[in-house]
């Protein structure tokens, strides 16, 4: 069960990472869609979406995860700043595929 405190920590890290990414990669159009921090604060899974290839962007951001963590350690007040693992949020891509398939079915029925 996720507690209110964990929700606050997830949101705090999401906001800080969004700002860091915006500052360090101004040419990227990236959104931090969700963050899930482990209960012991040792690990955070960060979902990102992008207009360009989100998997490529996630790999690029993963290379910078250590520097993001160091920067966040000076900005957020937590017992431990978690190590970051970036993954592509493909929800939008999958939704577009489903919409195209539904449209194709609808067109075939006509």
C-alpha atoms as a PDB file:
ATOM      1  CA  UNK A   1       0.000   0.000   0.000  1.00  0.00           C
ATOM      2  CA  UNK A   2       1.396   3.375  -1.044  1.00  0.00           C
ATOM      3  CA  UNK A   3       1.297   5.963   1.679  1.00  0.00           C
ATOM      4  CA  UNK A   4       0.671   9.669   1.368  1.00  0.00           C
ATOM      5  CA  UNK A   5       4.336  10.301   2.198  1.00  0.00           C
ATOM      6  CA  UNK A   6       5.513   8.121  -0.689  1.00  0.00           C
ATOM      7  CA  UNK A   7       3.183   9.990  -3.045  1.00  0.00           C
ATOM      8  CA  UNK A   8       4.773  13.260  -1.901  1.00  0.00           C
ATOM      9  CA  UNK A   9       8.288  11.896  -2.441  1.00  0.00           C
ATOM     10  CA  UNK A  10       7.384  10.587  -5.911  1.00  0.00           C
ATOM     11  CA  UNK A  11       5.969  13.977  -6.889  1.00  0.00           C
ATOM     12  CA  UNK A  12       8.918  15.902  -5.405  1.00  0.00           C
ATOM     13  CA  UNK A  13      11.424  13.852  -7.381  1.00  0.00           C
ATOM     14  CA  UNK A  14       9.288  14.070 -10.544  1.00  0.00           C
ATOM     15  CA  UNK A  15       9.215  17.871 -10.360  1.00  0.00           C
ATOM     16  CA  UNK A  16      12.939  18.211  -9.606  1.00  0.00           C
ATOM     17  CA  UNK A  17      13.906  15.859 -12.427  1.00  0.00           C
ATOM     18  CA  UNK A  18      11.663  17.698 -14.878  1.00  0.00           C
ATOM     19  CA  UNK A  19      13.447  20.954 -14.029  1.00  0.00           C
ATOM     20  CA  UNK A  20      16.902  19.364 -14.240  1.00  0.00           C
ATOM     21  CA  UNK A  21      16.180  17.792 -17.605  1.00  0.00           C
ATOM     22  CA  UNK A  22      14.785  21.061 -18.929  1.00  0.00           C
ATOM     23  CA  UNK A  23      17.907  22.951 -17.799  1.00  0.00           C
ATOM     24  CA  UNK A  24      20.465  20.382 -18.963  1.00  0.00           C
ATOM     25  CA  UNK A  25      18.746  19.353 -22.211  1.00  0.00           C
ATOM     26  CA  UNK A  26      16.864  22.421 -23.475  1.00  0.00           C
ATOM     27  CA  UNK A  27      16.575  20.944 -26.988  1.00  0.00           C
ATOM     28  CA  UNK A  28      14.722  17.848 -25.747  1.00  0.00           C
ATOM     29  CA  UNK A  29      10.956  17.902 -25.532  1.00  0.00           C
ATOM     30  CA  UNK A  30      10.656  15.552 -22.576  1.00  0.00           C
ATOM     31  CA  UNK A  31       7.996  15.024 -19.932  1.00  0.00           C
ATOM     32  CA  UNK A  32       8.575  13.130 -16.723  1.00  0.00           C
ATOM     33  CA  UNK A  33       5.246  11.343 -16.568  1.00  0.00           C
ATOM     34  CA  UNK A  34       5.676   9.276 -13.416  1.00  0.00           C
ATOM     35  CA  UNK A  35       8.158   8.384 -10.691  1.00  0.00           C
ATOM     36  CA  UNK A  36       7.960   5.377  -8.375  1.00  0.00           C
ATOM     37  CA  UNK A  37      10.412   5.346  -5.477  1.00  0.00           C
ATOM     38  CA  UNK A  38      11.112   2.166  -3.531  1.00  0.00           C
ATOM     39  CA  UNK A  39      10.048   2.143   0.119  1.00  0.00           C
ATOM     40  CA  UNK A  40      13.641   2.280   1.343  1.00  0.00           C
ATOM     41  CA  UNK A  41      14.381   5.255  -0.966  1.00  0.00           C
ATOM     42  CA  UNK A  42      17.234   3.412  -2.663  1.00  0.00           C
ATOM     43  CA  UNK A  43      15.762   3.203  -6.162  1.00  0.00           C
ATOM     44  CA  UNK A  44      13.476   5.309  -8.345  1.00  0.00           C
ATOM     45  CA  UNK A  45      11.963   4.261 -11.651  1.00  0.00           C
ATOM     46  CA  UNK A  46      11.344   7.321 -13.823  1.00  0.00           C
ATOM     47  CA  UNK A  47       8.993   7.171 -16.817  1.00  0.00           C
ATOM     48  CA  UNK A  48       9.590   9.749 -19.524  1.00  0.00           C
ATOM     49  CA  UNK A  49       7.745  10.578 -22.701  1.00  0.00           C
ATOM     50  CA  UNK A  50       9.072  12.452 -25.677  1.00  0.00           C
ATOM     51  CA  UNK A  51       7.942  13.596 -29.096  1.00  0.00           C
ATOM     52  CA  UNK A  52      11.087  12.077 -30.545  1.00  0.00           C
ATOM     53  CA  UNK A  53      12.152   8.483 -29.869  1.00  0.00           C
ATOM     54  CA  UNK A  54      11.379   8.055 -26.117  1.00  0.00           C
ATOM     55  CA  UNK A  55      13.553   4.947 -25.774  1.00  0.00           C
ATOM     56  CA  UNK A  56      16.587   6.772 -27.186  1.00  0.00           C
ATOM     57  CA  UNK A  57      15.929   9.749 -24.886  1.00  0.00           C
ATOM     58  CA  UNK A  58      15.640   7.388 -21.894  1.00  0.00           C
ATOM     59  CA  UNK A  59      19.057   5.889 -22.734  1.00  0.00           C
ATOM     60  CA  UNK A  60      20.611   9.360 -22.990  1.00  0.00           C
ATOM     61  CA  UNK A  61      19.088  10.427 -19.667  1.00  0.00           C
ATOM     62  CA  UNK A  62      20.209   7.184 -18.022  1.00  0.00           C
ATOM     63  CA  UNK A  63      23.812   8.111 -18.827  1.00  0.00           C
ATOM     64  CA  UNK A  64      23.275  11.320 -16.829  1.00  0.00           C
ATOM     65  CA  UNK A  65      21.455   9.642 -13.917  1.00  0.00           C
ATOM     66  CA  UNK A  66      24.443   9.962 -11.579  1.00  0.00           C
ATOM     67  CA  UNK A  67      24.808  13.694 -12.098  1.00  0.00           C
ATOM     68  CA  UNK A  68      21.032  14.170 -11.725  1.00  0.00           C
ATOM     69  CA  UNK A  69      21.189  12.298  -8.421  1.00  0.00           C
ATOM     70  CA  UNK A  70      24.097  14.435  -7.141  1.00  0.00           C
ATOM     71  CA  UNK A  71      22.321  17.652  -8.097  1.00  0.00           C
ATOM     72  CA  UNK A  72      19.081  16.522  -6.466  1.00  0.00           C
ATOM     73  CA  UNK A  73      20.931  15.608  -3.269  1.00  0.00           C
ATOM     74  CA  UNK A  74      21.675  19.304  -2.789  1.00  0.00           C
ATOM     75  CA  UNK A  75      18.109  20.383  -3.527  1.00  0.00           C
ATOM     76  CA  UNK A  76      15.759  17.898  -1.869  1.00  0.00           C
ATOM     77  CA  UNK A  77      15.664  17.037   1.796  1.00  0.00           C
ATOM     78  CA  UNK A  78      15.440  13.273   2.004  1.00  0.00           C
ATOM     79  CA  UNK A  79      17.128  10.692   4.165  1.00  0.00           C
ATOM     80  CA  UNK A  80      18.507   9.146   0.978  1.00  0.00           C
ATOM     81  CA  UNK A  81      18.327  10.293  -2.636  1.00  0.00           C
ATOM     82  CA  UNK A  82      17.454   7.251  -4.746  1.00  0.00           C
ATOM     83  CA  UNK A  83      19.432   5.994  -7.710  1.00  0.00           C
ATOM     84  CA  UNK A  84      17.518   6.752 -10.886  1.00  0.00           C
ATOM     85  CA  UNK A  85      16.460   4.389 -13.636  1.00  0.00           C
ATOM     86  CA  UNK A  86      14.888   6.015 -16.711  1.00  0.00           C
ATOM     87  CA  UNK A  87      12.405   4.118 -18.882  1.00  0.00           C
ATOM     88  CA  UNK A  88      10.349   5.202 -21.871  1.00  0.00           C
ATOM     89  CA  UNK A  89       6.655   5.739 -21.251  1.00  0.00           C
ATOM     90  CA  UNK A  90       5.078   4.270 -24.363  1.00  0.00           C
ATOM     91  CA  UNK A  91       1.481   4.866 -23.286  1.00  0.00           C
ATOM     92  CA  UNK A  92       0.919   7.583 -25.900  1.00  0.00           C
ATOM     93  CA  UNK A  93       2.443   5.484 -28.662  1.00  0.00           C
ATOM     94  CA  UNK A  94       0.310   2.500 -27.738  1.00  0.00           C
ATOM     95  CA  UNK A  95      -2.820   4.663 -27.569  1.00  0.00           C
ATOM     96  CA  UNK A  96      -2.111   5.961 -31.084  1.00  0.00           C
ATOM     97  CA  UNK A  97      -1.719   2.400 -32.383  1.00  0.00           C
ATOM     98  CA  UNK A  98      -5.057   1.403 -30.856  1.00  0.00           C
ATOM     99  CA  UNK A  99      -6.747   4.498 -32.324  1.00  0.00           C
ATOM    100  CA  UNK A 100      -5.390   3.666 -35.793  1.00  0.00           C
ATOM    101  CA  UNK A 101      -6.582   0.061 -35.504  1.00  0.00           C
ATOM    102  CA  UNK A 102     -10.043   1.138 -34.385  1.00  0.00           C
ATOM    103  CA  UNK A 103     -10.220   3.645 -37.226  1.00  0.00           C
ATOM    104  CA  UNK A 104      -9.162   0.944 -39.695  1.00  0.00           C
ATOM    105  CA  UNK A 105     -11.927  -1.367 -38.428  1.00  0.00           C
ATOM    106  CA  UNK A 106     -14.443   1.463 -38.644  1.00  0.00           C
ATOM    107  CA  UNK A 107     -13.380   2.252 -42.224  1.00  0.00           C
ATOM    108  CA  UNK A 108     -13.654  -1.415 -43.234  1.00  0.00           C
ATOM    109  CA  UNK A 109     -17.229  -1.601 -41.916  1.00  0.00           C
ATOM    110  CA  UNK A 110     -18.354   1.159 -44.277  1.00  0.00           C
END
